[in-house]
Amino acid sequence: MRLARLYQPRNPLFWAFILVNALSSVISYLLHTRDFPVAVILILAGFALGNMVCGIGIAVRLLRDPGPEGGSR
């Protein structure tokens, strides 16, 4: 597996991967800069962990997927 396989701008999974990572960054920023009640912190932390799992799953699929070109480089 090559890490260059992650960059597939024609593959919708690539854009889902970008979106999930951006959402994780926003959640992390909010958790570090704002004072929320404990319940909200736990909910946001749960979303952040779920985002991480989804991001890893998408990354693995991108690394294994031959891509829209149909062949490997």
Protein backbone atom coordinates (compact mmCIF):
# COMPACT_ATOMS: atom_id res chain seq x y z
CA MET A 1 0.00 0.00 0.00
CA ARG A 2 1.22 3.45 -0.91
CA LEU A 3 0.18 6.59 0.93
CA ALA A 4 -0.11 8.35 -2.43
CA ARG A 5 -3.31 6.32 -2.91
CA LEU A 6 -5.03 8.59 -0.38
CA TYR A 7 -5.02 11.44 -2.91
CA GLN A 8 -7.83 10.59 -5.32
CA PRO A 9 -9.72 13.82 -6.08
CA ARG A 10 -12.06 12.08 -8.54
CA ASN A 11 -13.16 9.56 -5.92
CA PRO A 12 -16.08 10.68 -3.70
CA LEU A 13 -14.50 8.79 -0.79
CA PHE A 14 -11.57 11.20 -0.93
CA TRP A 15 -13.90 14.15 -0.35
CA ALA A 16 -15.68 12.29 2.46
CA PHE A 17 -12.22 11.73 4.00
CA ILE A 18 -11.47 15.47 3.75
CA LEU A 19 -14.86 16.35 5.26
CA VAL A 20 -14.45 13.94 8.18
CA ASN A 21 -10.97 15.30 8.94
CA ALA A 22 -12.20 18.90 8.77
CA LEU A 23 -15.08 18.09 11.12
CA SER A 24 -12.67 16.44 13.54
CA SER A 25 -10.53 19.58 13.49
CA VAL A 26 -13.53 21.79 14.24
CA ILE A 27 -14.66 19.56 17.12
CA SER A 28 -11.14 19.50 18.54
CA TYR A 29 -10.87 23.28 18.28
CA LEU A 30 -14.19 23.74 20.07
CA LEU A 31 -13.24 21.35 22.86
CA HIS A 32 -9.94 23.16 23.44
CA THR A 33 -11.12 26.75 23.24
CA ARG A 34 -14.58 26.79 24.83
CA ASP A 35 -15.92 25.94 28.26
CA PHE A 36 -18.84 23.57 27.82
CA PRO A 37 -20.83 21.64 30.42
CA VAL A 38 -19.59 18.11 31.03
CA ALA A 39 -22.50 16.53 29.11
CA VAL A 40 -21.70 18.57 25.99
CA ILE A 41 -18.01 17.74 26.30
CA LEU A 42 -18.81 14.02 26.45
CA ILE A 43 -21.12 14.24 23.43
CA LEU A 44 -18.53 16.17 21.39
CA ALA A 45 -15.81 13.75 22.44
CA GLY A 46 -18.01 10.87 21.32
CA PHE A 47 -18.51 12.53 17.95
CA ALA A 48 -14.76 13.11 17.67
CA LEU A 49 -14.03 9.44 18.38
CA GLY A 50 -16.69 8.33 15.89
CA ASN A 51 -15.19 10.68 13.33
CA MET A 52 -11.78 9.19 13.93
CA VAL A 53 -13.08 5.65 13.36
CA CYS A 54 -14.89 6.72 10.18
CA GLY A 55 -11.78 8.53 8.94
CA ILE A 56 -9.59 5.47 9.48
CA GLY A 57 -12.14 3.29 7.67
CA ILE A 58 -12.29 5.65 4.71
CA ALA A 59 -8.48 5.90 4.58
CA VAL A 60 -8.15 2.11 4.50
CA ARG A 61 -10.74 1.89 1.71
CA LEU A 62 -8.89 4.55 -0.29
CA LEU A 63 -5.58 2.74 0.17
CA ARG A 64 -7.06 -0.57 -1.01
CA ASP A 65 -9.33 0.79 -3.76
CA PRO A 66 -7.86 0.71 -7.28
CA GLY A 67 -9.45 4.12 -7.86
CA PRO A 68 -11.64 5.43 -10.66
CA GLU A 69 -8.83 4.92 -13.20
CA GLY A 70 -9.33 1.17 -12.79
CA GLY A 71 -5.66 0.28 -12.46
CA SER A 72 -2.85 0.55 -10.01
CA ARG A 73 0.23 2.72 -10.58
